[in-house]
Amino acid sequence: MKQKDFAIIAAVVIFSGIVSVEASKYIFAKPANRQQQVVTVGAITTKFTQPSAIYFNNGSIDPAKTILVNLNANTTPFGTSSN
């Protein structure tokens, strides 16, 4: 490469850097526009209120209970025999 090529490359790099910095000022939000309000959450306590009896009652089904469908000890479930 010649000395002239390095000068052209340097000029293109500097020009593109200046253009990109100026363009980013219009594209991206300014720091004043980046402020946003958030909701603060209160402290977690150990107190728990009981839920409504309409939804949670003593007569409801327990999904954690083990359900046995059949106590059959069939060793050949598909009807094949070992004759």
N, C-alpha and C. Protein backbone atom coordinates (compact mmCIF):
# COMPACT_ATOMS: atom_id res chain seq x y z
N MET A 1 0.85 -1.18 0.00
CA MET A 1 0.00 0.00 0.00
C MET A 1 0.89 1.24 0.00
N LYS A 2 0.40 2.24 -0.63
CA LYS A 2 1.16 3.48 -0.71
C LYS A 2 0.76 4.41 0.43
N GLN A 3 1.53 5.44 0.60
CA GLN A 3 1.27 6.44 1.64
C GLN A 3 -0.08 7.12 1.39
N LYS A 4 -0.44 7.28 0.14
CA LYS A 4 -1.69 7.91 -0.22
C LYS A 4 -2.89 7.06 0.21
N ASP A 5 -2.75 5.73 0.15
CA ASP A 5 -3.83 4.83 0.55
C ASP A 5 -4.10 4.94 2.05
N PHE A 6 -3.05 5.04 2.86
CA PHE A 6 -3.23 5.17 4.31
C PHE A 6 -3.95 6.47 4.65
N ALA A 7 -3.65 7.53 3.94
CA ALA A 7 -4.31 8.82 4.20
C ALA A 7 -5.79 8.74 3.86
N ILE A 8 -6.14 8.07 2.77
CA ILE A 8 -7.55 7.94 2.38
C ILE A 8 -8.31 7.08 3.41
N ILE A 9 -7.70 5.97 3.84
CA ILE A 9 -8.33 5.09 4.83
C ILE A 9 -8.55 5.84 6.14
N ALA A 10 -7.55 6.61 6.58
CA ALA A 10 -7.67 7.38 7.82
C ALA A 10 -8.77 8.42 7.70
N ALA A 11 -8.87 9.07 6.55
CA ALA A 11 -9.89 10.09 6.35
C ALA A 11 -11.29 9.46 6.37
N VAL A 12 -11.43 8.29 5.74
CA VAL A 12 -12.73 7.61 5.74
C VAL A 12 -13.12 7.19 7.14
N VAL A 13 -12.17 6.68 7.93
CA VAL A 13 -12.45 6.25 9.30
C VAL A 13 -12.88 7.43 10.16
N ILE A 14 -12.17 8.53 10.06
CA ILE A 14 -12.51 9.70 10.86
C ILE A 14 -13.88 10.26 10.45
N PHE A 15 -14.12 10.35 9.14
CA PHE A 15 -15.40 10.87 8.65
C PHE A 15 -16.56 9.98 9.09
N SER A 16 -16.42 8.66 8.97
CA SER A 16 -17.50 7.75 9.36
C SER A 16 -17.73 7.78 10.87
N GLY A 17 -16.68 7.98 11.65
CA GLY A 17 -16.83 8.10 13.10
C GLY A 17 -17.62 9.34 13.48
N ILE A 18 -17.32 10.46 12.84
CA ILE A 18 -18.03 11.70 13.13
C ILE A 18 -19.50 11.58 12.72
N VAL A 19 -19.75 11.02 11.54
CA VAL A 19 -21.13 10.87 11.07
C VAL A 19 -21.91 9.94 11.99
N SER A 20 -21.31 8.85 12.44
CA SER A 20 -22.04 7.91 13.31
C SER A 20 -22.33 8.51 14.67
N VAL A 21 -21.42 9.31 15.22
CA VAL A 21 -21.67 9.95 16.51
C VAL A 21 -22.80 10.96 16.38
N GLU A 22 -22.79 11.75 15.32
CA GLU A 22 -23.85 12.74 15.14
C GLU A 22 -25.20 12.06 14.87
N ALA A 23 -25.20 10.98 14.12
CA ALA A 23 -26.46 10.27 13.83
C ALA A 23 -27.01 9.60 15.08
N SER A 24 -26.14 9.13 15.96
CA SER A 24 -26.61 8.46 17.17
C SER A 24 -27.30 9.44 18.12
N LYS A 25 -26.97 10.71 18.03
CA LYS A 25 -27.64 11.71 18.87
C LYS A 25 -29.12 11.82 18.51
N TYR A 26 -29.46 11.57 17.26
CA TYR A 26 -30.85 11.67 16.82
C TYR A 26 -31.58 10.34 16.93
N ILE A 27 -30.85 9.24 16.85
CA ILE A 27 -31.49 7.92 16.86
C ILE A 27 -31.81 7.47 18.28
N PHE A 28 -30.86 7.57 19.17
CA PHE A 28 -31.03 7.06 20.53
C PHE A 28 -31.63 8.13 21.44
N ALA A 29 -32.30 7.67 22.50
CA ALA A 29 -32.96 8.58 23.43
C ALA A 29 -31.94 9.36 24.24
N LYS A 30 -32.30 10.57 24.54
CA LYS A 30 -31.43 11.42 25.37
C LYS A 30 -31.55 10.99 26.83
N PRO A 31 -30.56 11.25 27.65
CA PRO A 31 -30.64 10.83 29.07
C PRO A 31 -31.86 11.40 29.80
N ALA A 32 -32.30 12.58 29.42
CA ALA A 32 -33.48 13.16 30.08
C ALA A 32 -34.74 12.36 29.74
N ASN A 33 -34.79 11.74 28.58
CA ASN A 33 -35.97 10.97 28.16
C ASN A 33 -35.93 9.52 28.65
N ARG A 34 -34.85 9.11 29.26
CA ARG A 34 -34.72 7.73 29.72
C ARG A 34 -35.22 7.52 31.14
N GLN A 35 -35.73 8.57 31.77
CA GLN A 35 -36.23 8.46 33.14
C GLN A 35 -37.61 7.81 33.11
N GLN A 36 -37.83 6.86 34.02
CA GLN A 36 -39.09 6.15 34.05
C GLN A 36 -39.51 5.91 35.49
N GLN A 37 -40.79 6.00 35.76
CA GLN A 37 -41.32 5.78 37.10
C GLN A 37 -41.59 4.29 37.30
N VAL A 38 -41.27 3.79 38.47
CA VAL A 38 -41.50 2.38 38.78
C VAL A 38 -42.31 2.27 40.07
N VAL A 39 -42.97 1.15 40.23
CA VAL A 39 -43.76 0.89 41.42
C VAL A 39 -42.87 0.20 42.44
N THR A 40 -42.87 0.67 43.67
CA THR A 40 -42.08 0.02 44.71
C THR A 40 -42.94 -1.00 45.43
N VAL A 41 -42.33 -2.07 45.83
CA VAL A 41 -43.02 -3.17 46.50
C VAL A 41 -42.73 -3.09 47.99
N GLY A 42 -43.76 -3.34 48.77
CA GLY A 42 -43.60 -3.32 50.22
C GLY A 42 -42.83 -4.53 50.73
N ALA A 43 -42.50 -4.51 51.99
CA ALA A 43 -41.74 -5.61 52.59
C ALA A 43 -42.60 -6.86 52.71
N ILE A 44 -41.96 -8.01 52.60
CA ILE A 44 -42.65 -9.30 52.74
C ILE A 44 -42.75 -9.62 54.23
N THR A 45 -43.95 -10.01 54.66
CA THR A 45 -44.15 -10.35 56.06
C THR A 45 -44.46 -11.83 56.20
N THR A 46 -44.45 -12.31 57.43
CA THR A 46 -44.75 -13.72 57.70
C THR A 46 -46.23 -13.94 57.95
N LYS A 47 -47.02 -12.90 57.96
CA LYS A 47 -48.46 -13.03 58.18
C LYS A 47 -49.14 -13.47 56.89
N PHE A 48 -50.03 -14.43 57.00
CA PHE A 48 -50.73 -14.97 55.84
C PHE A 48 -52.22 -15.01 56.14
N THR A 49 -52.98 -14.39 55.30
CA THR A 49 -54.43 -14.43 55.48
C THR A 49 -54.98 -15.67 54.78
N GLN A 50 -55.96 -16.29 55.40
CA GLN A 50 -56.55 -17.50 54.83
C GLN A 50 -57.35 -17.13 53.58
N PRO A 51 -57.24 -17.95 52.53
CA PRO A 51 -58.00 -17.67 51.31
C PRO A 51 -59.49 -17.93 51.52
N SER A 52 -60.28 -17.48 50.59
CA SER A 52 -61.73 -17.60 50.70
C SER A 52 -62.14 -19.08 50.68
N ALA A 53 -63.13 -19.43 51.48
CA ALA A 53 -63.62 -20.81 51.54
C ALA A 53 -64.36 -21.20 50.27
N ILE A 54 -64.70 -20.25 49.44
CA ILE A 54 -65.36 -20.56 48.17
C ILE A 54 -64.41 -21.34 47.26
N TYR A 55 -63.15 -20.98 47.27
CA TYR A 55 -62.18 -21.60 46.39
C TYR A 55 -61.38 -22.71 47.06
N PHE A 56 -61.09 -22.57 48.34
CA PHE A 56 -60.30 -23.55 49.07
C PHE A 56 -61.13 -24.07 50.24
N ASN A 57 -61.54 -25.34 50.17
CA ASN A 57 -62.32 -25.90 51.26
C ASN A 57 -61.80 -27.28 51.61
N ASN A 58 -62.27 -27.81 52.72
CA ASN A 58 -61.80 -29.11 53.21
C ASN A 58 -62.31 -30.28 52.38
N GLY A 59 -63.40 -30.11 51.65
CA GLY A 59 -63.97 -31.20 50.87
C GLY A 59 -63.43 -31.29 49.45
N SER A 60 -62.47 -30.49 49.13
CA SER A 60 -61.96 -30.52 47.76
C SER A 60 -61.02 -31.69 47.53
N ILE A 61 -60.73 -31.97 46.27
CA ILE A 61 -59.85 -33.08 45.90
C ILE A 61 -58.41 -32.68 46.18
N ASP A 62 -57.63 -33.61 46.73
CA ASP A 62 -56.22 -33.37 47.00
C ASP A 62 -55.41 -33.83 45.79
N PRO A 63 -54.83 -32.93 45.01
CA PRO A 63 -54.09 -33.35 43.82
C PRO A 63 -52.77 -34.03 44.15
N ALA A 64 -52.30 -33.93 45.37
CA ALA A 64 -51.04 -34.55 45.74
C ALA A 64 -51.22 -35.98 46.24
N LYS A 65 -52.46 -36.42 46.39
CA LYS A 65 -52.74 -37.76 46.89
C LYS A 65 -52.44 -38.80 45.82
N THR A 66 -51.81 -39.90 46.20
CA THR A 66 -51.51 -40.98 45.28
C THR A 66 -52.78 -41.74 44.95
N ILE A 67 -53.00 -41.96 43.66
CA ILE A 67 -54.20 -42.67 43.22
C ILE A 67 -53.78 -44.00 42.62
N LEU A 68 -54.33 -45.09 43.15
CA LEU A 68 -54.06 -46.42 42.63
C LEU A 68 -55.20 -46.81 41.70
N VAL A 69 -54.90 -47.09 40.46
CA VAL A 69 -55.92 -47.41 39.49
C VAL A 69 -56.31 -48.88 39.59
N ASN A 70 -55.32 -49.77 39.69
CA ASN A 70 -55.59 -51.19 39.72
C ASN A 70 -54.47 -51.88 40.47
N LEU A 71 -54.80 -52.81 41.32
CA LEU A 71 -53.78 -53.54 42.07
C LEU A 71 -53.45 -54.88 41.42
N ASN A 72 -53.68 -55.02 40.14
CA ASN A 72 -53.43 -56.25 39.42
C ASN A 72 -51.93 -56.43 39.23
N ALA A 73 -51.42 -57.58 39.59
CA ALA A 73 -49.99 -57.88 39.45
C ALA A 73 -49.76 -58.67 38.17
N ASN A 74 -50.33 -58.28 37.08
CA ASN A 74 -50.21 -58.97 35.81
C ASN A 74 -48.82 -58.76 35.24
N THR A 75 -48.09 -59.84 35.03
CA THR A 75 -46.74 -59.72 34.49
C THR A 75 -46.74 -59.70 32.97
N THR A 76 -47.87 -60.03 32.36
CA THR A 76 -48.00 -59.97 30.89
C THR A 76 -49.15 -59.03 30.55
N PRO A 77 -48.91 -57.76 30.52
CA PRO A 77 -49.98 -56.79 30.34
C PRO A 77 -50.61 -56.79 28.94
N PHE A 78 -49.92 -57.32 27.94
CA PHE A 78 -50.44 -57.28 26.58
C PHE A 78 -51.01 -58.62 26.12
N GLY A 79 -51.21 -59.51 27.07
CA GLY A 79 -51.87 -60.78 26.77
C GLY A 79 -50.96 -61.83 26.16
N THR A 80 -49.68 -61.61 26.10
CA THR A 80 -48.78 -62.63 25.57
C THR A 80 -48.52 -63.66 26.66
N SER A 81 -48.37 -64.86 26.24
CA SER A 81 -48.09 -65.92 27.23
C SER A 81 -46.74 -66.54 26.92
N SER A 82 -46.15 -67.11 27.90
CA SER A 82 -44.83 -67.74 27.73
C SER A 82 -44.98 -69.27 27.66
N ASN A 83 -45.86 -69.79 26.79
CA ASN A 83 -46.08 -71.25 26.63
C ASN A 83 -44.96 -71.88 25.90
